[in-house]
Amino acid sequence: MIVDITGEIINKLYKIAPNSNFYRDNVKGGFKQPAFLVNLVSMSLQKQFF
């Protein structure tokens, strides 16, 4: 069972591009390229009846 979704995404990206930098949050000084920003976005869903 996957507990840390963001961590699993970073692991998969690392297998594809191992020489890249991976960030979970914005960096004030900027990113070292090549880089991936993997950030979890909260959302909620509501059921709608037609």
C-alpha atoms as a PDB file:
ATOM      1  CA  MET A   1       0.000   0.000   0.000  1.00  0.00           C
ATOM      2  CA  ILE A   2       1.317   3.452  -0.936  1.00  0.00           C
ATOM      3  CA  VAL A   3       1.278   5.892   1.981  1.00  0.00           C
ATOM      4  CA  ASP A   4       3.347   8.794   0.633  1.00  0.00           C
ATOM      5  CA  ILE A   5       2.035   9.584  -2.863  1.00  0.00           C
ATOM      6  CA  THR A   6       4.443  12.481  -3.421  1.00  0.00           C
ATOM      7  CA  GLY A   7       7.399  10.299  -2.473  1.00  0.00           C
ATOM      8  CA  GLU A   8       6.298   7.550  -4.865  1.00  0.00           C
ATOM      9  CA  ILE A   9       5.990  10.048  -7.732  1.00  0.00           C
ATOM     10  CA  ILE A  10       9.502  11.325  -6.984  1.00  0.00           C
ATOM     11  CA  ASN A  11      10.835   7.750  -6.937  1.00  0.00           C
ATOM     12  CA  LYS A  12       9.336   7.046 -10.372  1.00  0.00           C
ATOM     13  CA  LEU A  13      10.698  10.312 -11.790  1.00  0.00           C
ATOM     14  CA  TYR A  14      14.127   9.495 -10.343  1.00  0.00           C
ATOM     15  CA  LYS A  15      14.156   6.223 -12.294  1.00  0.00           C
ATOM     16  CA  ILE A  16      13.433   8.171 -15.495  1.00  0.00           C
ATOM     17  CA  ALA A  17      15.738  11.155 -14.866  1.00  0.00           C
ATOM     18  CA  PRO A  18      18.291  10.337 -12.130  1.00  0.00           C
ATOM     19  CA  ASN A  19      20.425  13.445 -12.736  1.00  0.00           C
ATOM     20  CA  SER A  20      17.554  15.835 -11.998  1.00  0.00           C
ATOM     21  CA  ASN A  21      16.699  17.717  -8.819  1.00  0.00           C
ATOM     22  CA  PHE A  22      13.402  17.007  -7.090  1.00  0.00           C
ATOM     23  CA  TYR A  23      11.549  19.501  -4.919  1.00  0.00           C
ATOM     24  CA  ARG A  24       8.418  19.213  -2.793  1.00  0.00           C
ATOM     25  CA  ASP A  25       8.103  22.950  -2.081  1.00  0.00           C
ATOM     26  CA  ASN A  26       8.919  26.210  -3.835  1.00  0.00           C
ATOM     27  CA  VAL A  27      12.478  27.451  -3.336  1.00  0.00           C
ATOM     28  CA  LYS A  28      12.979  31.197  -2.825  1.00  0.00           C
ATOM     29  CA  GLY A  29      16.380  31.210  -4.498  1.00  0.00           C
ATOM     30  CA  GLY A  30      15.135  29.257  -7.518  1.00  0.00           C
ATOM     31  CA  PHE A  31      15.582  25.729  -8.710  1.00  0.00           C
ATOM     32  CA  LYS A  32      18.727  24.048  -9.973  1.00  0.00           C
ATOM     33  CA  GLN A  33      17.854  22.743 -13.414  1.00  0.00           C
ATOM     34  CA  PRO A  34      16.912  20.181 -14.578  1.00  0.00           C
ATOM     35  CA  ALA A  35      14.270  19.933 -11.890  1.00  0.00           C
ATOM     36  CA  PHE A  36      10.833  18.616 -11.022  1.00  0.00           C
ATOM     37  CA  LEU A  37       8.468  20.270  -8.541  1.00  0.00           C
ATOM     38  CA  VAL A  38       6.142  17.656  -7.086  1.00  0.00           C
ATOM     39  CA  ASN A  39       3.579  19.342  -4.880  1.00  0.00           C
ATOM     40  CA  LEU A  40       0.470  17.800  -3.360  1.00  0.00           C
ATOM     41  CA  VAL A  41      -2.695  19.786  -4.037  1.00  0.00           C
ATOM     42  CA  SER A  42      -5.722  19.330  -1.779  1.00  0.00           C
ATOM     43  CA  MET A  43      -9.114  18.990  -3.378  1.00  0.00           C
ATOM     44  CA  SER A  44     -12.564  17.971  -2.386  1.00  0.00           C
ATOM     45  CA  LEU A  45     -15.273  16.409  -4.496  1.00  0.00           C
ATOM     46  CA  GLN A  46     -18.986  16.812  -4.123  1.00  0.00           C
ATOM     47  CA  LYS A  47     -21.523  14.467  -5.606  1.00  0.00           C
ATOM     48  CA  GLN A  48     -23.975  16.175  -7.904  1.00  0.00           C
ATOM     49  CA  PHE A  49     -27.361  14.818  -8.860  1.00  0.00           C
ATOM     50  CA  PHE A  50     -28.917  15.767 -12.163  1.00  0.00           C
END
